[in-house]
Each structure stands twice: as C-alpha cells, then as structure tokens.
Protein backbone atom coordinates (compact mmCIF):
# COMPACT_ATOMS: atom_id res chain seq x y z
CA MET A 1 19.92 271.79 -103.05
CA SER A 2 18.62 268.68 -102.97
CA LYS A 3 14.82 268.32 -103.60
CA LYS A 4 12.95 266.81 -100.79
CA ILE A 5 10.50 263.92 -101.45
CA PHE A 6 7.32 262.74 -99.80
CA ILE A 7 6.62 259.21 -100.50
CA SER A 8 2.64 258.66 -98.79
CA ALA A 9 1.97 255.45 -100.87
CA SER A 10 1.43 252.75 -98.23
CA THR A 11 3.42 249.70 -99.03
CA PHE A 12 6.24 251.84 -100.64
CA ALA A 13 9.53 249.41 -101.10
CA GLU A 14 8.14 246.89 -99.32
CA HIS A 15 9.30 244.01 -102.23
CA GLY A 16 12.68 246.20 -103.02
CA LYS A 17 14.53 249.26 -102.38
CA GLU A 18 15.29 249.77 -106.02
CA SER A 19 13.21 252.89 -106.17
CA LEU A 20 14.92 254.48 -102.58
CA ASN A 21 18.24 253.47 -104.27
CA LEU A 22 17.52 255.59 -107.60
CA LEU A 23 16.44 258.42 -104.98
CA GLU A 24 19.69 258.27 -103.51
CA GLN A 25 22.06 258.16 -106.39
CA ASN A 26 20.23 261.10 -107.79
CA GLY A 27 20.89 263.43 -104.48
CA PHE A 28 17.10 263.22 -103.54
CA GLU A 29 15.82 263.28 -99.82
CA TYR A 30 12.77 261.40 -98.97
CA PHE A 31 10.46 260.49 -96.22
CA ILE A 32 8.13 257.61 -96.40
CA ASN A 33 4.88 257.31 -94.83
CA PRO A 34 5.02 255.86 -91.44
CA LEU A 35 1.69 254.33 -91.01
CA GLY A 36 1.73 251.68 -93.14
CA ARG A 37 -1.84 252.75 -94.24
CA ARG A 38 -3.57 255.09 -96.51
CA LEU A 39 -3.16 258.10 -95.26
CA VAL A 40 -6.12 261.18 -94.68
CA GLN A 41 -5.75 264.72 -95.78
CA GLU A 42 -4.50 265.89 -92.49
CA GLU A 43 -1.55 263.79 -92.46
CA ILE A 44 -0.69 264.56 -95.98
CA ILE A 45 -0.30 268.16 -95.20
CA LYS A 46 1.27 267.61 -92.10
CA MET A 47 4.20 264.94 -93.44
CA GLY A 48 4.44 266.37 -96.49
CA LYS A 49 4.32 270.35 -95.85
CA ASP A 50 8.13 270.69 -97.23
CA SER A 51 8.17 268.59 -100.03
CA GLU A 52 8.61 269.46 -103.54
CA GLY A 53 7.60 266.19 -105.26
CA ALA A 54 5.46 263.68 -103.74
CA ILE A 55 5.16 259.76 -104.75
CA ALA A 56 1.61 258.91 -104.13
CA GLY A 57 -0.62 256.30 -104.04
CA LEU A 58 -4.37 256.42 -103.75
CA GLU A 59 -4.44 258.81 -101.00
CA PRO A 60 -6.31 261.87 -101.58
CA TYR A 61 -4.52 264.81 -103.07
CA ASP A 62 -7.73 266.67 -103.35
CA ASP A 63 -7.99 270.59 -103.26
CA TYR A 64 -7.80 271.16 -99.86
CA VAL A 65 -4.41 268.78 -100.01
CA ILE A 66 -2.91 270.70 -102.75
CA ASP A 67 -3.87 273.85 -101.39
CA HIS A 68 -1.96 273.24 -98.08
CA LEU A 69 1.24 272.19 -99.98
CA PRO A 70 2.95 275.07 -100.97
CA GLN A 71 5.87 273.82 -101.87
CA LEU A 72 4.68 270.83 -104.28
CA ARG A 73 6.22 270.90 -107.69
CA CYS A 74 5.46 267.20 -108.76
CA ILE A 75 2.86 264.34 -108.05
CA SER A 76 3.95 260.99 -109.24
CA ARG A 77 1.20 258.16 -108.85
CA CYS A 78 1.96 254.52 -108.39
CA GLY A 79 -0.64 253.42 -110.68
CA VAL A 80 -2.74 254.12 -113.44
CA GLY A 81 -6.09 256.16 -111.65
CA LEU A 82 -5.96 259.66 -111.37
CA ASP A 83 -9.30 260.01 -109.70
CA ASN A 84 -7.90 260.44 -106.22
CA ILE A 85 -5.61 263.59 -107.42
CA ALA A 86 -7.13 266.61 -108.40
CA LEU A 87 -6.20 267.55 -111.36
CA SER A 88 -7.59 270.92 -112.61
CA LYS A 89 -5.84 272.45 -108.99
CA ALA A 90 -2.77 270.81 -109.75
CA LYS A 91 -2.77 272.69 -113.23
CA GLN A 92 -3.58 275.75 -111.88
CA LYS A 93 -0.75 275.33 -109.11
CA GLY A 94 1.55 274.52 -111.90
CA ILE A 95 1.96 271.00 -110.45
CA ALA A 96 3.19 268.14 -112.93
CA VAL A 97 1.07 264.76 -112.28
CA PHE A 98 2.74 261.58 -113.70
CA ASN A 99 1.14 257.77 -113.49
CA THR A 100 2.25 254.47 -114.38
CA PRO A 101 -0.12 253.06 -116.71
CA SER A 102 1.77 250.15 -118.83
CA VAL A 103 2.97 248.94 -115.56
CA VAL A 104 -0.90 247.71 -114.48
CA ILE A 105 -2.28 246.03 -117.71
CA GLN A 106 -0.82 242.52 -117.19
CA PRO A 107 -1.41 242.15 -113.03
CA VAL A 108 -4.77 243.27 -113.71
CA ALA A 109 -5.75 241.17 -116.56
CA GLU A 110 -4.50 238.31 -114.76
CA LEU A 111 -6.87 239.41 -111.69
CA THR A 112 -9.70 239.46 -114.06
CA ILE A 113 -9.16 236.05 -115.79
CA ALA A 114 -8.87 234.47 -112.26
CA MET A 115 -12.22 236.05 -111.40
CA PHE A 116 -13.44 234.15 -114.61
CA PHE A 117 -12.78 230.97 -113.80
CA ASP A 118 -13.66 231.28 -109.62
CA LEU A 119 -16.85 232.57 -110.96
CA LEU A 120 -17.90 229.44 -113.94
CA ARG A 121 -16.21 226.55 -111.33
CA ASN A 122 -17.40 227.86 -108.27
CA LEU A 123 -13.95 227.97 -106.49
CA SER A 124 -14.37 230.01 -103.89
CA PHE A 125 -18.16 228.77 -102.87
CA HIS A 126 -16.47 224.98 -102.64
CA THR A 127 -13.78 226.36 -100.68
CA ALA A 128 -16.41 227.92 -98.17
CA LEU A 129 -18.31 224.86 -98.02
CA LEU A 130 -15.57 221.90 -97.36
CA LYS A 131 -14.41 224.94 -94.47
CA SER A 132 -17.96 224.69 -93.14
CA GLY A 133 -17.86 220.79 -93.33
CA LYS A 134 -20.00 220.14 -96.15
CA TRP A 135 -18.92 217.89 -98.42
CA GLN A 136 -21.25 219.57 -101.65
CA LYS A 137 -21.04 219.65 -105.04
CA VAL A 138 -22.15 222.81 -107.42
CA SER A 139 -21.80 222.07 -111.38
CA GLY A 140 -19.98 224.89 -113.31
CA ASN A 141 -19.53 226.16 -116.58
CA LEU A 142 -16.75 226.20 -119.07
CA LEU A 143 -14.89 229.39 -120.04
CA SER A 144 -14.65 227.61 -123.50
CA GLY A 145 -17.88 228.76 -125.43
CA ALA A 146 -19.37 231.37 -122.80
CA LYS A 147 -20.20 234.60 -124.19
CA VAL A 148 -18.10 237.31 -122.34
CA GLY A 149 -18.47 241.00 -122.54
CA ILE A 150 -15.97 243.15 -122.10
CA LEU A 151 -16.67 247.28 -121.72
CA GLY A 152 -14.31 249.26 -122.34
CA LEU A 153 -11.49 248.52 -124.81
CA GLY A 154 -8.42 250.21 -123.52
CA ARG A 155 -4.78 248.56 -122.81
CA ILE A 156 -6.63 246.40 -120.16
CA GLY A 157 -9.47 245.54 -121.48
CA ARG A 158 -7.64 244.69 -124.80
CA ARG A 159 -5.05 242.42 -122.88
CA VAL A 160 -8.53 241.04 -121.08
CA VAL A 161 -9.59 239.50 -124.47
CA GLU A 162 -6.63 238.48 -125.86
CA LEU A 163 -5.96 236.09 -122.92
CA LEU A 164 -10.10 235.14 -123.32
CA ASN A 165 -9.36 234.32 -127.29
CA ARG A 166 -6.92 231.69 -126.42
CA LEU A 167 -9.39 230.27 -124.14
CA GLU A 168 -11.97 230.39 -126.83
CA ALA A 169 -14.35 231.93 -125.27
CA ASP A 170 -17.63 233.71 -127.48
CA LEU A 171 -16.19 237.30 -126.88
CA TYR A 172 -18.21 240.53 -127.31
CA GLY A 173 -17.19 244.33 -127.02
CA ALA A 174 -17.93 247.91 -126.93
CA ASP A 175 -15.98 250.98 -126.41
CA MET A 176 -16.30 254.37 -128.07
CA VAL A 177 -13.14 253.65 -130.24
CA ILE A 178 -12.62 250.50 -131.91
CA ASP A 179 -9.13 249.46 -133.70
CA ASP A 180 -11.44 247.01 -136.17
CA ALA A 181 -8.65 245.08 -137.18
CA TRP A 182 -7.97 244.60 -133.83
CA ALA A 183 -10.86 243.25 -132.97
CA LYS A 184 -11.10 240.73 -136.07
CA SER A 185 -7.80 239.33 -134.99
CA ASN A 186 -8.98 238.60 -131.67
CA ASN A 187 -12.80 237.05 -132.80
CA LEU A 188 -14.38 239.66 -130.79
CA LYS A 189 -17.89 241.10 -132.09
CA VAL A 190 -18.43 244.86 -131.42
CA LEU A 191 -21.97 245.85 -130.21
CA PRO A 192 -23.50 249.30 -128.64
CA VAL A 193 -23.47 248.69 -124.80
CA ARG A 194 -26.66 248.01 -124.42
CA GLU A 195 -27.31 245.02 -126.96
CA LEU A 196 -24.20 243.60 -125.10
CA LEU A 197 -25.59 243.79 -121.94
CA SER A 198 -28.36 241.77 -123.31
CA VAL A 199 -26.27 238.73 -125.15
CA VAL A 200 -23.39 238.12 -122.42
CA ASP A 201 -23.04 235.34 -119.80
CA ILE A 202 -20.65 237.35 -118.24
CA ILE A 203 -19.83 241.17 -118.33
CA SER A 204 -16.05 242.29 -117.38
CA ILE A 205 -16.05 246.40 -117.18
CA HIS A 206 -12.52 247.70 -118.20
CA LEU A 207 -13.58 251.59 -118.21
CA SER A 208 -11.00 254.26 -117.97
CA ASP A 209 -11.15 257.39 -115.58
CA ASN A 210 -11.95 259.43 -118.46
CA ALA A 211 -14.70 261.97 -117.62
CA ALA A 212 -16.62 261.15 -120.66
CA ASP A 213 -17.25 257.51 -119.80
CA SER A 214 -20.70 258.20 -118.46
CA PHE A 215 -21.67 254.08 -118.05
CA LYS A 216 -23.11 252.94 -114.73
CA LEU A 217 -24.35 249.15 -114.05
CA ASP A 218 -27.84 250.63 -112.44
CA ARG A 219 -30.97 248.80 -111.94
CA GLU A 220 -32.16 249.88 -115.76
CA LYS A 221 -29.12 248.47 -117.52
CA ILE A 222 -29.29 245.16 -114.76
CA SER A 223 -32.73 245.15 -116.21
CA LEU A 224 -30.78 244.48 -119.86
CA MET A 225 -29.14 241.29 -118.93
CA LYS A 226 -29.79 237.69 -119.41
CA ARG A 227 -30.97 236.25 -116.22
CA GLY A 228 -28.23 233.75 -114.35
CA ALA A 229 -25.44 236.78 -116.04
CA ALA A 230 -22.31 237.60 -114.05
CA VAL A 231 -20.38 240.52 -113.39
CA ILE A 232 -16.63 241.49 -113.17
CA ASN A 233 -15.30 244.49 -111.84
CA THR A 234 -11.85 245.15 -111.99
CA SER A 235 -11.92 248.75 -112.73
CA ARG A 236 -13.44 251.06 -110.98
CA GLY A 237 -16.23 251.03 -108.21
CA LYS A 238 -18.10 253.99 -109.78
CA PHE A 239 -19.25 252.06 -112.48
CA ILE A 240 -22.09 250.02 -110.41
CA ASP A 241 -24.42 251.10 -108.87
CA GLU A 242 -23.74 248.34 -105.53
CA ASN A 243 -27.37 248.62 -104.18
CA ALA A 244 -28.87 247.41 -107.61
CA LEU A 245 -26.52 244.91 -107.59
CA TYR A 246 -26.61 243.45 -104.22
CA ASP A 247 -31.29 243.37 -105.28
CA ALA A 248 -29.83 241.47 -108.29
CA LEU A 249 -27.80 239.03 -106.80
CA SER A 250 -29.74 238.09 -103.53
CA SER A 251 -32.68 237.80 -106.25
CA LYS A 252 -30.72 235.57 -107.82
CA TYR A 253 -31.31 237.60 -111.10
CA LEU A 254 -27.87 237.48 -111.43
CA SER A 255 -26.34 234.69 -110.68
CA ALA A 256 -22.64 235.70 -108.95
CA ALA A 257 -20.19 238.79 -109.21
CA ALA A 258 -16.50 239.26 -108.43
CA LEU A 259 -15.56 242.88 -107.69
CA ASP A 260 -11.82 244.26 -106.84
CA VAL A 261 -12.94 247.64 -106.33
CA PHE A 262 -15.59 249.71 -104.70
CA SER A 263 -17.65 252.98 -104.95
CA LYS A 264 -16.43 253.84 -101.27
CA GLU A 265 -13.23 251.99 -100.19
CA PRO A 266 -12.31 250.21 -97.89
CA TYR A 267 -15.97 248.60 -98.59
CA ARG A 268 -18.54 248.03 -95.70
CA GLY A 269 -21.70 247.10 -97.71
CA LYS A 270 -24.19 244.32 -98.04
CA LEU A 271 -22.49 242.48 -100.49
CA PHE A 272 -20.60 240.80 -97.83
CA GLU A 273 -24.09 238.70 -97.01
CA LEU A 274 -24.24 237.16 -99.81
CA ASP A 275 -22.48 233.71 -101.11
CA ASN A 276 -22.53 234.36 -104.46
CA VAL A 277 -19.91 237.33 -104.60
CA ILE A 278 -16.80 237.33 -104.79
CA LEU A 279 -14.67 240.24 -102.81
CA THR A 280 -11.29 241.22 -103.09
CA PRO A 281 -9.92 244.56 -101.43
CA HIS A 282 -8.38 246.58 -104.36
CA VAL A 283 -5.38 244.16 -105.48
CA GLY A 284 -5.62 244.38 -109.16
CA THR A 285 -1.96 245.83 -109.40
CA LEU A 286 -0.77 243.78 -106.19
CA THR A 287 1.74 241.19 -107.37
CA ARG A 288 5.56 241.84 -106.31
CA GLU A 289 6.61 242.02 -109.61
CA SER A 290 4.46 244.96 -110.80
CA ARG A 291 4.60 246.61 -107.60
CA LEU A 292 8.64 246.94 -107.57
CA ALA A 293 8.29 247.73 -111.30
CA MET A 294 5.51 250.40 -110.64
CA GLU A 295 7.59 252.11 -107.84
CA VAL A 296 10.53 252.05 -110.10
CA GLU A 297 8.63 254.00 -112.98
CA ALA A 298 7.01 256.43 -110.75
CA THR A 299 10.59 257.17 -109.19
CA LYS A 300 11.74 257.76 -112.57
CA ASN A 301 9.02 260.09 -113.71
CA LEU A 302 9.76 262.41 -110.80
CA ILE A 303 13.49 262.35 -111.50
CA ASN A 304 12.92 262.82 -114.67
CA PHE A 305 10.96 265.90 -114.39
CA PHE A 306 13.04 267.53 -111.53
CA ARG A 307 16.38 266.75 -114.09
CA SER A 308 14.32 268.34 -117.00
C-alpha cells in the first residue's frame, strides 16, 4: 500500500519536478499545498490529516498540529531551521524529523555578501534617490580592510568568513567552539562576543537555532558597538531586539542594517520607516538552484525513512 505524503511547503516544485518524479517512481501518493502561501495550523491539519509523511517549509508543526495528525510518521523539512517544528512532541509521538543543512550554505552566504556590498556602497539608497528624481551621491566604504565580525561560526558563518577573507576584510569571529587551525588559515581573529562587538565596523549574525545560543542584540549590547557600525542578520530574527535596533538606527548611533529575518514574519514593523535599512522577506535560501536541490534532498530523506 502506497504512503500518503502531504507537501505543505508553499513553493514546492516551482523550479522543477524532480522531487515529484522521485515520489512517483517510488510509489508514493502526494498532495501539494494548493494555496501558494504559508499554511496556518487548521489548514495543515485539514489537508494533511491522512498523511503518513510531510515535506515541510516554515509552516507551524507545533504541538497542536502534531497532536491532530495521527497518521504522521515523518516530517522532512526543506531547509535547515527546525524552530517551526515541535521536536519534543515529535519525539514523543515517534515522528522522525529531517532537514537539509548542506544545501543552504552557499545561497545564504552569497546573500550575506550581497548585503555587505549594498550597505558599504549604498546601492539601495542610491537607487531610491534616483527613482525619486535626485542625482545625489553619498560616499561609501571599502570592504577591503573593513573590520568585520562574524557571530556564529557554523557552516554558513564559516563560508561567509572564507568569502570575506578573499575580499581582504579584517576578520573577527566568536562562537562557543572554534577550529583554531581553520581560523588561522582564514586570517580570523577570535574574540569574546562583547569584545568583538566593540571593535568591528559591521557585525554579521550566523548563530544556530540551538537553545544554547542565548545571544540577543539588545540595547545593552548595541551600546557596546562602535558609533556608526552596521548590522547584518541572515540567521534568525530572534537574535535581534528590533525595537532597540530601530532606536539605534533612527538616532544614527548605528549607521545601517540589512535584515532577511525577523522576530515575526511577515514583518510589519517600524523599520520600514527608515532609509538606512535593507529588508528582504526571508529569501536567504531562495535561489532556483538551491530550492531545487533542497526539495530533492528533503524528498530523498523522506523516501529513505519509509524504505528503511
């Protein structure tokens, strides 16, 4: 008897049908989220009530949803973050959970580098000026020689360091565990978090979802930063106090910020009011190549679970 799979991810198979072909070739029945957006609790329950497996995006598989999916045996996440899945409840129910950590490294790292250049050379700002009819030039800064702090040296943080090293940035890093040989080979100076905040011109956050990561860029930590410093976050919105960041940016204590992630999404906050902020709607992994690879890996994870 074939397994029933609910594909709740909102943009699945937009860039290729390889994953659907894999499911069909292996005898799985599937139903795809037809709404083209992130589902809410009751929609997941209604659409997935008879499914034994789910291929998930960022929609909530919380305690309530998992309790109302009695047939569910496996959740295969398209992406790396698992904060939308109640892992304790899944374990309690005997539900296997998988993710696709390797696929997201390059796309998130490349978006981060793009944000560095946008902040330093005022690309979005100059575009907005020209579109408003103003031929006005604002001086930028070089990435070469800039003091850059990387907070979190996991797979993505390490890739960002490697790219920035080639661009001759002056690199500083902080994390709970450091590979000293790797840090030396990439000209990375390792500092405690508070000292790192005080010396860098730009901080880029790449912390994991691990509960041990209690860092939050709040008012106190912002006060440690150099006047005129900038912030990039392509990790998780929970690592920044957005109200504190707004105050620091509006007062010009911090010069600029670039954010792809927010404490609550879709974001509807005050940062929209500022012209020294670059905001993107959580698109770090959203490239055609990476999305397709992520879907294939998530599908293979699910198939291998049911075939084992």
